[in-house]
Protein backbone atom coordinates (compact mmCIF):
# COMPACT_ATOMS: atom_id res chain seq x y z
CA MET A 1 8.70 -28.40 -36.96
CA ASP A 2 11.84 -28.56 -34.88
CA TRP A 3 11.59 -24.83 -34.21
CA ILE A 4 8.16 -25.29 -32.60
CA ASN A 5 9.55 -28.04 -30.41
CA LEU A 6 12.46 -25.73 -29.51
CA LEU A 7 10.13 -22.87 -28.55
CA LEU A 8 7.44 -24.80 -26.67
CA ILE A 9 8.70 -28.20 -25.50
CA GLU A 10 12.44 -28.49 -24.93
CA HIS A 11 13.51 -26.91 -21.63
CA SER A 12 15.74 -23.90 -22.21
CA SER A 13 15.90 -20.25 -21.24
CA LEU A 14 14.30 -19.34 -24.57
CA GLN A 15 11.47 -21.83 -24.09
CA ALA A 16 10.83 -20.54 -20.55
CA ILE A 17 10.50 -16.97 -21.82
CA VAL A 18 8.08 -18.03 -24.59
CA ILE A 19 5.85 -20.15 -22.33
CA VAL A 20 5.61 -17.58 -19.53
CA SER A 21 5.02 -14.74 -22.00
CA LEU A 22 2.26 -16.69 -23.79
CA ILE A 23 0.52 -17.44 -20.48
CA CYS A 24 0.71 -13.77 -19.46
CA ALA A 25 -0.49 -12.50 -22.86
CA ILE A 26 -3.48 -14.87 -23.10
CA GLY A 27 -4.41 -14.36 -19.46
CA MET A 28 -4.31 -10.57 -19.69
CA ALA A 29 -6.35 -10.59 -22.90
CA LEU A 30 -9.06 -12.80 -21.36
CA GLY A 31 -8.85 -10.82 -18.11
CA LYS A 32 -10.38 -7.83 -19.90
CA VAL A 33 -13.55 -9.77 -20.72
CA LYS A 34 -16.41 -8.76 -18.44
CA ILE A 35 -19.15 -11.14 -17.35
CA ALA A 36 -22.10 -9.42 -15.64
CA GLY A 37 -19.95 -6.31 -15.46
CA ILE A 38 -17.12 -8.13 -13.66
CA SER A 39 -13.64 -8.94 -14.95
CA LEU A 40 -10.78 -10.62 -13.10
CA GLY A 41 -8.00 -8.64 -14.79
CA VAL A 42 -4.47 -9.95 -14.36
CA THR A 43 -5.74 -12.71 -12.05
CA PHE A 44 -6.87 -14.58 -15.18
CA VAL A 45 -3.17 -15.23 -15.88
CA PHE A 46 -3.25 -17.63 -12.95
CA PHE A 47 -5.99 -19.76 -14.51
CA ILE A 48 -4.31 -19.84 -17.90
CA GLY A 49 -1.17 -21.04 -16.10
CA ILE A 50 -3.15 -23.87 -14.45
CA ILE A 51 -4.58 -24.92 -17.83
CA ALA A 52 -1.11 -24.79 -19.43
CA GLY A 53 0.31 -26.97 -16.68
CA HIS A 54 -2.60 -29.39 -16.97
CA ILE A 55 -2.12 -29.96 -20.71
CA GLY A 56 1.53 -30.78 -20.15
CA LEU A 57 3.43 -27.56 -20.77
CA SER A 58 6.34 -27.05 -18.39
CA ILE A 59 9.60 -25.17 -18.04
CA ASP A 60 12.84 -25.91 -16.23
CA PRO A 61 12.03 -26.10 -12.46
CA ALA A 62 14.89 -23.78 -11.51
CA MET A 63 13.77 -21.18 -14.05
CA LEU A 64 10.16 -21.57 -12.91
CA LYS A 65 11.07 -20.91 -9.30
CA TYR A 66 13.32 -18.00 -10.25
CA ALA A 67 10.65 -16.26 -12.37
CA GLU A 68 7.97 -16.89 -9.72
CA ASN A 69 10.05 -15.48 -6.87
CA PHE A 70 11.43 -12.58 -8.89
CA GLY A 71 7.95 -11.59 -10.02
CA LEU A 72 6.63 -11.65 -6.45
CA VAL A 73 9.59 -9.63 -5.16
CA ILE A 74 9.20 -6.95 -7.86
CA PHE A 75 5.47 -6.65 -7.18
CA VAL A 76 5.61 -6.33 -3.40
CA TYR A 77 8.69 -4.08 -3.41
CA ALA A 78 7.15 -1.67 -5.95
CA LEU A 79 3.97 -1.66 -3.86
CA GLY A 80 5.94 -0.79 -0.72
CA LEU A 81 7.86 1.92 -2.58
CA GLN A 82 4.61 3.49 -3.78
CA VAL A 83 2.82 3.55 -0.42
CA GLY A 84 5.94 4.40 1.61
CA PRO A 85 5.51 8.21 1.62
CA GLY A 86 2.06 7.93 3.21
CA PHE A 87 2.52 4.71 5.16
CA PHE A 88 3.63 5.92 8.59
CA SER A 89 1.14 8.77 8.67
CA SER A 90 -1.54 6.19 7.88
CA LEU A 91 -0.15 3.82 10.50
CA ALA A 92 -0.37 6.54 13.14
CA HIS A 93 -3.99 7.21 12.18
CA GLY A 94 -5.58 3.77 12.39
CA GLY A 95 -2.72 1.35 11.79
CA VAL A 96 -3.12 -0.35 15.17
CA LYS A 97 -6.82 -0.91 14.55
CA LEU A 98 -6.10 -2.30 11.10
CA ASN A 99 -3.56 -4.77 12.47
CA VAL A 100 -5.98 -5.87 15.20
CA LEU A 101 -8.59 -6.48 12.50
CA GLY A 102 -6.07 -8.34 10.34
CA LEU A 103 -5.10 -10.59 13.24
CA SER A 104 -8.79 -11.09 14.05
CA LEU A 105 -9.37 -12.40 10.53
CA ALA A 106 -6.43 -14.78 10.91
CA LEU A 107 -7.86 -16.08 14.19
CA ILE A 108 -11.41 -16.40 12.84
CA THR A 109 -10.14 -18.42 9.88
CA LEU A 110 -7.98 -20.64 12.08
CA ILE A 111 -10.75 -21.25 14.64
CA THR A 112 -13.11 -22.13 11.79
CA ALA A 113 -10.56 -24.59 10.44
CA ILE A 114 -10.14 -26.25 13.86
CA ALA A 115 -13.92 -26.47 14.31
CA LEU A 116 -14.30 -28.14 10.90
CA THR A 117 -11.96 -30.96 11.96
CA TYR A 118 -14.63 -32.05 14.49
CA VAL A 119 -17.49 -32.16 11.97
CA THR A 120 -15.61 -33.57 8.95
CA PRO A 121 -13.27 -36.53 8.46
CA VAL A 122 -10.35 -34.19 7.68
CA SER A 123 -7.43 -34.52 10.12
CA ILE A 124 -5.62 -31.63 11.78
CA PRO A 125 -2.54 -31.88 9.50
CA ASP A 126 -4.67 -31.96 6.35
CA MET A 127 -6.87 -29.13 7.63
CA MET A 128 -3.82 -26.99 8.27
CA GLY A 129 -2.80 -27.61 4.65
CA LEU A 130 -6.27 -26.50 3.52
CA PHE A 131 -5.96 -23.49 5.83
CA CYS A 132 -2.61 -22.47 4.29
CA GLY A 133 -4.00 -22.72 0.77
CA ALA A 134 -7.24 -20.93 1.60
CA THR A 135 -5.24 -18.03 3.04
CA THR A 136 -2.61 -18.19 0.22
CA ASN A 137 0.16 -18.49 2.77
CA THR A 138 2.91 -20.82 1.55
CA PRO A 139 5.35 -19.86 4.36
CA ALA A 140 2.77 -21.22 6.79
CA LEU A 141 2.66 -24.48 4.81
CA GLY A 142 6.43 -24.78 5.16
CA ALA A 143 6.06 -24.32 8.91
CA VAL A 144 3.33 -27.01 9.00
CA GLN A 145 5.49 -29.51 7.14
CA GLN A 146 8.58 -28.85 9.27
CA THR A 147 6.60 -29.18 12.50
CA LEU A 148 4.99 -32.44 11.37
CA SER A 149 8.39 -33.82 10.36
CA GLN A 150 9.76 -33.03 13.81
CA LEU A 151 6.84 -34.96 15.33
CA GLY A 152 7.46 -37.93 13.00
CA ILE A 153 4.16 -37.45 11.13
CA PRO A 154 3.95 -37.67 7.29
CA SER A 155 3.79 -34.18 5.79
CA SER A 156 2.86 -34.84 2.16
CA THR A 157 -0.96 -34.56 2.33
CA PRO A 158 -0.99 -30.98 3.77
CA ALA A 159 0.90 -29.93 0.63
CA LEU A 160 -1.78 -31.54 -1.56
CA GLY A 161 -4.51 -29.77 0.40
CA CYS A 162 -2.71 -26.46 -0.01
CA ALA A 163 -2.29 -27.06 -3.76
CA VAL A 164 -6.04 -27.65 -4.16
CA THR A 165 -7.26 -24.73 -2.07
CA TYR A 166 -4.63 -22.16 -3.09
CA PRO A 167 -6.30 -21.23 -6.42
CA LEU A 168 -9.63 -21.06 -4.62
CA GLY A 169 -8.06 -18.87 -1.96
CA VAL A 170 -6.95 -16.46 -4.69
CA VAL A 171 -10.42 -16.28 -6.22
CA GLY A 172 -12.33 -16.56 -2.94
CA VAL A 173 -11.18 -13.18 -1.60
CA ILE A 174 -12.05 -11.58 -4.94
CA ILE A 175 -15.50 -13.20 -4.83
CA ALA A 176 -16.02 -11.92 -1.27
CA VAL A 177 -15.03 -8.39 -2.33
CA ILE A 178 -17.41 -8.57 -5.29
CA ILE A 179 -20.28 -9.76 -3.05
CA MET A 180 -19.65 -6.97 -0.55
CA ARG A 181 -19.43 -4.30 -3.24
CA LYS A 182 -22.46 -5.44 -5.21
CA LEU A 183 -24.83 -6.26 -2.35
CA PHE A 184 -23.81 -4.25 0.69
CA ILE A 185 -21.89 -1.14 -0.42
CA LYS A 186 -23.67 1.88 -1.88
CA PRO A 187 -21.89 3.84 -4.65
CA ASN A 188 -21.66 6.97 -2.48
CA GLU A 189 -19.81 4.95 0.19
CA ILE A 190 -16.82 4.57 -2.14
CA SER A 191 -14.80 7.79 -1.99
CA ASP A 192 -12.13 9.12 -4.30
CA ALA A 193 -10.07 10.36 -1.38
CA PRO A 194 -6.32 10.52 -1.99
CA ILE A 195 -3.69 8.25 -0.53
CA GLY A 196 -3.30 8.15 3.22
CA SER A 197 -5.76 8.80 6.03
CA LEU A 198 -4.52 12.16 7.24
CA PRO A 199 -7.07 14.99 6.98
CA LYS A 200 -6.48 17.51 4.23
CA PRO A 201 -4.92 20.80 5.43
CA LYS A 202 -7.53 23.54 5.83
CA ILE A 203 -7.17 27.21 4.92
CA THR A 204 -8.84 29.64 7.34
CA GLU A 205 -8.92 33.43 7.65
CA PHE A 206 -8.56 35.06 11.08
CA GLU A 207 -8.56 38.62 12.37
CA VAL A 208 -6.20 39.21 15.27
CA SER A 209 -8.41 40.27 18.19
CA ASN A 210 -6.84 38.44 21.12
CA PRO A 211 -4.99 41.03 23.29
CA GLY A 212 -2.80 38.24 24.65
CA ILE A 213 -0.87 37.96 21.37
CA TYR A 214 -0.60 41.66 20.46
CA GLY A 215 3.05 42.46 19.71
CA LYS A 216 4.17 38.81 19.87
CA THR A 217 6.10 37.17 17.02
CA ILE A 218 4.68 34.29 15.03
CA GLU A 219 7.41 32.04 16.45
CA GLU A 220 6.36 32.89 20.01
CA ILE A 221 2.68 32.28 19.21
CA ALA A 222 3.44 28.92 17.59
CA ARG A 223 5.43 27.85 20.64
CA LEU A 224 2.73 28.93 23.10
CA SER A 225 -0.20 27.49 21.15
CA ASN A 226 1.44 24.10 20.49
CA CYS A 227 -0.33 24.03 17.10
CA HIS A 228 1.16 23.38 13.66
CA PHE A 229 0.20 26.08 11.18
CA VAL A 230 1.54 28.15 8.30
CA ILE A 231 0.57 31.81 7.74
CA SER A 232 0.63 32.25 3.97
CA ARG A 233 -0.54 35.91 3.90
CA LEU A 234 -0.65 38.76 6.41
CA TRP A 235 -2.70 41.92 5.84
CA HIS A 236 -1.55 44.84 8.02
CA ASN A 237 -3.10 48.28 7.55
CA GLY A 238 -4.32 47.22 4.10
CA THR A 239 -0.88 45.99 2.95
CA VAL A 240 -0.30 42.32 2.24
CA SER A 241 3.00 40.60 2.98
CA ILE A 242 4.63 37.21 3.49
CA PRO A 243 5.28 36.95 7.23
CA THR A 244 8.41 35.43 8.72
CA SER A 245 8.83 33.78 12.11
CA SER A 246 9.92 37.16 13.53
CA SER A 247 6.90 39.08 12.24
CA ARG A 248 4.84 40.62 15.06
CA LEU A 249 1.06 40.55 15.03
CA GLU A 250 -1.02 43.58 15.93
CA ALA A 251 -4.71 44.21 16.59
CA GLY A 252 -6.79 44.08 13.40
CA ASP A 253 -4.25 42.14 11.33
CA ARG A 254 -5.86 39.66 8.97
CA LEU A 255 -4.22 36.26 8.51
CA LEU A 256 -4.63 33.47 5.98
CA VAL A 257 -3.65 30.34 7.93
CA VAL A 258 -3.06 26.79 6.70
CA SER A 259 -3.50 24.13 9.40
CA THR A 260 -5.03 20.74 10.07
CA PRO A 261 -8.83 20.77 10.59
CA ASP A 262 -8.35 19.64 14.20
CA ASP A 263 -6.31 22.77 15.00
CA VAL A 264 -8.78 25.31 13.57
CA GLU A 265 -10.78 25.67 16.80
CA ALA A 266 -7.62 26.09 18.89
CA LEU A 267 -6.30 28.71 16.45
CA HIS A 268 -9.65 30.50 16.68
CA ILE A 269 -9.01 30.91 20.40
CA VAL A 270 -5.39 31.97 19.80
CA PHE A 271 -5.94 34.59 17.09
CA GLY A 272 -9.46 35.76 17.86
CA GLU A 273 -12.17 36.32 15.28
CA GLN A 274 -12.58 33.73 12.50
CA ASP A 275 -13.79 34.89 9.09
CA LYS A 276 -16.48 32.79 7.43
CA THR A 277 -15.01 32.98 3.93
CA ASP A 278 -14.50 29.51 2.41
CA TRP A 279 -10.89 29.45 1.21
CA ASN A 280 -10.91 25.70 0.50
CA ALA A 281 -12.95 25.64 -2.70
CA ASN A 282 -11.18 24.14 -5.71
CA ASP A 283 -12.05 27.00 -8.05
CA ILE A 284 -10.32 29.83 -6.14
CA ASP A 285 -8.00 31.91 -8.32
CA TRP A 286 -5.29 32.72 -5.78
CA ASN A 287 -3.66 35.26 -8.08
CA THR A 288 -6.74 37.52 -7.82
CA VAL A 289 -6.88 37.49 -4.02
CA ASP A 290 -4.55 40.51 -3.87
CA ARG A 291 -2.50 42.52 -6.33
CA GLN A 292 0.96 42.22 -4.82
CA LEU A 293 1.28 38.46 -4.31
CA VAL A 294 0.91 35.51 -6.62
CA SER A 295 0.51 31.82 -5.91
CA GLN A 296 2.41 29.42 -8.14
CA PRO A 297 2.97 25.64 -8.12
CA PHE A 298 6.43 24.12 -8.55
CA ILE A 299 7.58 20.50 -8.89
CA VAL A 300 10.66 19.52 -6.88
CA THR A 301 13.10 18.09 -9.45
CA ARG A 302 16.49 19.32 -8.18
CA ARG A 303 18.31 16.40 -6.60
CA GLN A 304 20.32 18.65 -4.25
CA ILE A 305 17.23 19.47 -2.16
CA ASN A 306 15.91 15.92 -2.07
CA GLY A 307 15.58 15.04 1.62
CA LYS A 308 16.14 18.58 2.91
CA THR A 309 13.67 20.18 5.31
CA LEU A 310 11.65 23.23 4.32
CA GLY A 311 13.13 25.18 7.22
CA SER A 312 16.69 24.58 6.02
CA LEU A 313 15.93 26.27 2.69
CA ARG A 314 15.12 29.58 4.50
CA LEU A 315 12.88 30.69 1.64
CA ARG A 316 11.00 33.28 3.68
CA ASN A 317 14.10 34.96 5.05
CA LEU A 318 16.15 34.89 1.85
CA TYR A 319 13.52 35.44 -0.81
CA GLY A 320 10.39 36.67 0.97
CA VAL A 321 8.24 33.76 -0.26
CA ASN A 322 6.24 31.16 1.62
CA ILE A 323 5.33 27.54 0.87
CA SER A 324 1.72 27.12 1.90
CA ARG A 325 1.04 23.52 0.84
CA VAL A 326 2.91 20.41 -0.32
CA TYR A 327 1.37 17.59 -2.35
CA ARG A 328 3.03 14.17 -2.34
CA SER A 329 1.59 11.11 -4.10
CA GLY A 330 -1.77 12.86 -4.06
CA LEU A 331 -1.61 13.56 -0.31
CA ALA A 332 -1.83 17.19 0.83
CA LEU A 333 0.76 17.88 3.55
CA LEU A 334 1.10 20.82 5.91
CA ALA A 335 4.23 22.78 4.95
CA THR A 336 5.88 22.81 8.38
CA PRO A 337 9.61 23.68 8.72
CA ASP A 338 10.52 20.07 9.60
CA LEU A 339 8.85 18.58 6.51
CA ARG A 340 11.43 16.90 4.25
CA LEU A 341 11.04 17.48 0.54
CA GLN A 342 11.20 14.62 -1.95
CA LEU A 343 11.64 14.55 -5.70
CA GLY A 344 8.22 14.77 -7.32
CA ASP A 345 6.65 16.88 -4.53
CA LYS A 346 4.37 19.63 -5.78
CA ILE A 347 4.75 22.78 -3.66
CA ILE A 348 2.58 25.89 -3.69
CA VAL A 349 4.73 29.03 -3.37
CA VAL A 350 3.24 32.42 -2.40
CA GLY A 351 5.11 35.69 -2.86
CA GLU A 352 5.90 38.51 -5.24
CA GLN A 353 6.48 37.46 -8.84
CA LYS A 354 10.11 38.65 -8.88
CA ALA A 355 10.92 36.60 -5.78
CA ILE A 356 9.15 33.51 -7.13
CA ASP A 357 11.16 33.74 -10.36
CA LYS A 358 14.38 33.68 -8.34
CA ILE A 359 13.61 30.44 -6.47
CA GLU A 360 12.58 28.39 -9.50
CA PRO A 361 16.19 27.27 -10.25
CA MET A 362 16.52 26.17 -6.62
CA ILE A 363 13.40 23.98 -6.80
CA GLY A 364 14.02 22.64 -10.29
CA ASN A 365 10.54 22.51 -11.81
CA THR A 366 11.90 20.53 -14.78
CA ILE A 367 9.32 17.84 -15.41
CA ASN A 368 11.53 15.85 -17.79
CA VAL A 369 13.89 15.03 -14.93
CA LEU A 370 11.16 12.98 -13.25
CA ASN A 371 10.84 10.74 -16.30
CA GLU A 372 14.37 9.44 -15.82
CA PRO A 373 14.32 5.98 -14.16
CA ASN A 374 15.90 5.87 -10.70
CA LEU A 375 16.80 2.18 -10.64
CA PHE A 376 19.42 2.27 -7.89
CA ALA A 377 16.71 2.52 -5.21
CA VAL A 378 14.85 -0.38 -6.84
CA PHE A 379 17.72 -2.87 -7.04
CA ILE A 380 19.43 -2.03 -3.75
CA GLY A 381 16.04 -2.13 -2.05
CA ILE A 382 15.30 -5.57 -3.49
CA VAL A 383 18.64 -6.90 -2.21
CA LEU A 384 18.03 -5.47 1.26
CA GLY A 385 14.43 -6.73 1.24
CA ILE A 386 15.46 -10.29 0.42
CA ALA A 387 18.11 -10.13 3.14
CA LEU A 388 15.52 -8.88 5.63
CA GLY A 389 13.09 -11.62 4.63
CA SER A 390 15.76 -14.29 5.16
CA ILE A 391 16.57 -13.40 8.78
CA PRO A 392 15.41 -16.30 11.03
CA PHE A 393 13.48 -15.52 14.21
CA HIS A 394 13.46 -18.04 17.05
CA PHE A 395 10.54 -18.33 19.48
CA PRO A 396 10.43 -20.37 22.71
CA GLY A 397 8.60 -23.66 22.27
CA ILE A 398 8.79 -23.55 18.47
CA GLY A 399 11.70 -25.58 17.17
CA VAL A 400 11.54 -24.18 13.64
CA PRO A 401 12.99 -20.69 13.02
CA ILE A 402 10.54 -18.34 11.30
CA SER A 403 11.30 -15.70 8.71
CA ILE A 404 9.03 -13.20 6.95
CA GLY A 405 10.10 -14.51 3.56
CA LEU A 406 10.27 -13.13 0.04
CA ALA A 407 6.88 -11.46 0.28
CA GLY A 408 7.35 -9.89 3.70
CA GLY A 409 10.93 -8.61 3.51
CA PRO A 410 10.75 -6.68 0.21
CA ILE A 411 7.44 -4.97 1.03
CA ILE A 412 8.80 -3.76 4.38
CA MET A 413 12.03 -2.59 2.74
CA GLY A 414 10.05 -0.85 -0.01
CA ILE A 415 8.12 1.08 2.63
CA LEU A 416 11.32 2.01 4.48
CA VAL A 417 13.14 3.11 1.32
CA GLY A 418 10.12 5.08 0.07
CA THR A 419 9.79 6.82 3.43
CA PHE A 420 13.35 7.35 4.64
CA GLY A 421 15.38 7.11 1.44
CA PRO A 422 15.20 10.86 0.75
CA ARG A 423 16.66 11.56 4.20
CA LEU A 424 19.76 9.73 2.97
CA HIS A 425 19.51 11.76 -0.25
CA MET A 426 18.49 8.59 -2.10
CA VAL A 427 16.24 9.33 -5.08
CA THR A 428 13.25 7.00 -4.64
CA TYR A 429 10.78 8.78 -6.89
CA THR A 430 9.12 6.79 -9.66
CA THR A 431 6.31 8.02 -11.86
CA THR A 432 2.93 6.43 -11.24
CA SER A 433 3.00 4.75 -14.65
CA ALA A 434 6.48 3.31 -14.02
CA ASN A 435 5.45 1.94 -10.64
CA LEU A 436 2.28 0.42 -12.07
CA MET A 437 4.34 -1.17 -14.85
CA LEU A 438 6.72 -2.77 -12.34
CA ARG A 439 3.82 -4.06 -10.27
CA ALA A 440 1.96 -5.43 -13.30
CA ILE A 441 4.99 -7.22 -14.74
CA GLY A 442 5.93 -8.68 -11.35
CA LEU A 443 2.42 -9.91 -10.57
CA ALA A 444 1.94 -11.37 -14.06
CA LEU A 445 5.21 -13.33 -13.79
CA TYR A 446 4.28 -14.58 -10.33
CA LEU A 447 0.79 -15.70 -11.34
CA ALA A 448 1.90 -17.35 -14.58
CA CYS A 449 4.56 -19.44 -12.81
CA LEU A 450 2.33 -20.21 -9.84
CA GLY A 451 -0.43 -21.45 -12.13
CA LEU A 452 2.00 -23.47 -14.25
CA GLU A 453 3.41 -25.06 -11.11
CA SER A 454 -0.03 -25.90 -9.68
CA GLY A 455 -1.62 -27.04 -12.93
CA ALA A 456 0.39 -30.21 -13.42
CA HIS A 457 -1.38 -32.06 -10.58
CA PHE A 458 -4.30 -29.74 -9.90
CA PHE A 459 -7.15 -31.61 -11.59
CA GLU A 460 -6.02 -35.11 -10.62
CA THR A 461 -5.92 -33.95 -6.98
CA VAL A 462 -9.31 -32.29 -7.26
CA PHE A 463 -10.92 -35.48 -8.54
CA ARG A 464 -9.58 -37.63 -5.74
CA SER A 465 -12.24 -39.00 -3.39
CA GLU A 466 -11.67 -36.21 -0.87
CA GLY A 467 -10.96 -33.55 -3.49
CA LEU A 468 -14.47 -32.08 -3.68
CA LEU A 469 -14.71 -31.91 0.12
CA TRP A 470 -11.38 -30.08 0.22
CA ILE A 471 -12.64 -27.60 -2.37
CA LEU A 472 -15.80 -26.88 -0.38
CA LEU A 473 -13.88 -26.49 2.87
CA GLY A 474 -11.32 -24.24 1.19
CA MET A 475 -14.01 -21.93 -0.21
CA LEU A 476 -15.68 -21.87 3.21
CA LEU A 477 -12.41 -20.95 4.95
CA THR A 478 -11.77 -18.16 2.46
CA ILE A 479 -15.10 -16.51 1.70
CA VAL A 480 -17.08 -16.75 4.95
CA PRO A 481 -14.51 -15.22 7.38
CA VAL A 482 -13.68 -12.45 4.88
CA LEU A 483 -17.37 -11.57 4.46
CA ILE A 484 -18.06 -11.64 8.20
CA LEU A 485 -15.13 -9.43 9.19
CA GLY A 486 -15.48 -7.20 6.13
CA LEU A 487 -19.13 -6.39 6.79
CA PHE A 488 -18.44 -5.90 10.50
CA THR A 489 -15.61 -3.48 9.70
CA VAL A 490 -17.66 -1.44 7.22
CA LYS A 491 -21.08 -1.47 8.85
CA VAL A 492 -20.25 -1.52 12.57
CA LEU A 493 -16.80 0.07 12.82
CA LYS A 494 -17.59 2.47 9.92
CA PHE A 495 -14.28 1.97 8.09
CA ASP A 496 -14.35 3.00 4.45
CA PHE A 497 -14.71 0.19 1.91
CA GLU A 498 -11.33 0.83 0.27
CA THR A 499 -9.36 0.53 3.53
CA THR A 500 -11.41 -2.51 4.55
CA THR A 501 -10.72 -4.23 1.25
CA GLY A 502 -6.98 -3.62 1.54
CA MET A 503 -6.99 -4.92 5.11
CA LEU A 504 -8.79 -8.10 4.04
CA CYS A 505 -6.42 -8.71 1.11
CA GLY A 506 -3.38 -8.08 3.32
CA SER A 507 -4.57 -10.31 6.12
CA MET A 508 -5.24 -13.09 3.61
CA ALA A 509 -1.77 -12.52 2.05
CA ASN A 510 -3.43 -12.13 -1.35
CA PRO A 511 -1.66 -9.72 -3.76
CA MET A 512 -3.88 -10.88 -6.63
CA ALA A 513 -7.00 -9.76 -4.78
CA LEU A 514 -5.29 -6.44 -4.03
CA ASP A 515 -4.57 -5.94 -7.72
CA TYR A 516 -8.25 -6.59 -8.47
CA ALA A 517 -9.25 -4.11 -5.76
CA ASN A 518 -6.92 -1.49 -7.24
CA SER A 519 -8.57 -1.98 -10.64
CA ILE A 520 -12.08 -1.22 -9.33
CA LEU A 521 -11.41 1.29 -6.54
CA PRO A 522 -9.93 4.81 -6.71
CA GLY A 523 -6.98 6.07 -4.71
CA ASP A 524 -4.42 4.05 -2.73
CA HIS A 525 -6.26 3.49 0.55
CA GLN A 526 -6.46 -0.23 -0.15
CA SER A 527 -2.74 -0.49 -0.98
CA ILE A 528 -1.71 1.27 2.23
CA ALA A 529 -4.04 -0.89 4.32
CA TYR A 530 -2.62 -4.01 2.62
CA ALA A 531 0.95 -2.98 3.38
CA THR A 532 -0.03 -2.09 6.95
CA VAL A 533 -1.43 -5.49 7.91
CA TYR A 534 0.37 -7.91 5.59
CA PRO A 535 3.67 -8.47 7.50
CA LEU A 536 2.14 -9.04 10.93
CA SER A 537 -0.79 -11.15 9.68
CA MET A 538 1.45 -13.38 7.57
CA PHE A 539 3.92 -13.75 10.42
CA ALA A 540 1.13 -14.56 12.90
CA ARG A 541 -0.27 -17.33 10.69
CA VAL A 542 3.15 -18.99 10.45
CA ILE A 543 3.32 -19.11 14.25
CA LEU A 544 -0.33 -20.04 14.83
CA VAL A 545 -0.33 -23.15 12.62
CA GLN A 546 2.67 -24.51 14.50
CA ILE A 547 1.01 -23.85 17.86
CA VAL A 548 -2.16 -25.65 16.70
CA ILE A 549 -0.23 -28.74 15.54
CA LEU A 550 1.88 -28.87 18.69
CA ALA A 551 -1.19 -28.43 20.90
CA LEU A 552 -3.64 -30.75 19.16
CA MET A 553 -1.48 -33.58 17.79
């Protein structure tokens, strides 16, 4: 039986791998079980970890901390890398509102915690520990303990409060999301819209009937109108062609224009008469629209054009073809000259068949290339993310330097690498399945180690005299503020449920709840909203708890 003792009891690297793997395997298997149509998915790994810790299983503390931190870093970095391409466009279209809502949730939770100190026997230091656990914010707990130590106040009980309420904080957000979805959200209010919040480009047909643009080039019209648009087809005297920036428009010309929905009315004024044909239906066969031109999709797989702008390729001038649309991570983008291509982009090319055949080697269109792992961007991004998270920030009146930590730094760096990496000709593309695998492995490692770490003293702390009160207060601090702000955001502000859910998970610094949301909701709205609000909300809580202790102690 020595081999069993070697695998399960004696601390070693081999034993650590076996214990963590067993916790992950059992948790994931049980996570698939549905009760009343609800399953917790990978979050169940956390509870199996708590049970394992409670029955006495343990691994070397250094290995435990390494696996926990490494899992968290992999998860948040892969998340940032995935949402990066659509992050800044989303931020520009509602990011400020989302961050205001995220900070509002942080303030509501904190004010609730302060109010509870006046109606319960729980002291301010202990309540701040409960607050940190209920919002799953361990960096804030570190700030609480350091501030208390500077004031000469014992800092051990806030850690116990955080240990008790942390598991409940994980589950509480999930429970709040379930309540909202089951009781207050109708099925038709959950959309399957793609990643990002930018409107989908719209295709419109116009007939040139504005005398003010007769004889002017497309470049001149674009400059005068101050609108972004792409003319994919031009019919002149019954002949169809791919226009260039120097093409001149004449009376009666018919144009097929791709633009944002907001610019359609302005372009109606610019060009003249708007045709009522619906060119945005999904079942249009573009190759039957006319006889001379064909429309063909290509996948960008040639590394040499990764990060280059569409305008620099000069496809219209050199080959007589036009790119009408670009799809990236499910988001439809307007093919403007300043748009930078990335590996994995799907582009729609319009032109004569001979010309299209010539540009295929330039684009690549070799799907197998995308299956190759691009690990350089992953590992260098993780290093830079950890470095970013370790930078201390000093604020007047707060003696303890604050950093955004292992969760904040890598997610920000993942967003930056996913967005700007191609401009440096860095290949950041990962297939959806590869990214999901990284996120799942990272989150499972994190939850298994976190549960194992909490389980050793979880139940004995719960059954202390004040344990049940702490549990009730923790659930109150987690569920009630999330429900209040969530329903206000959906019903009053009319945000979609997916974005609201991501905002709530991000503000509560809860990647486990985000993973649950991703398992029940389509698209990536919730992931982008999470990444949008997480850094600022987490950072704000670290500062706020210190201000509360300094002001009220």
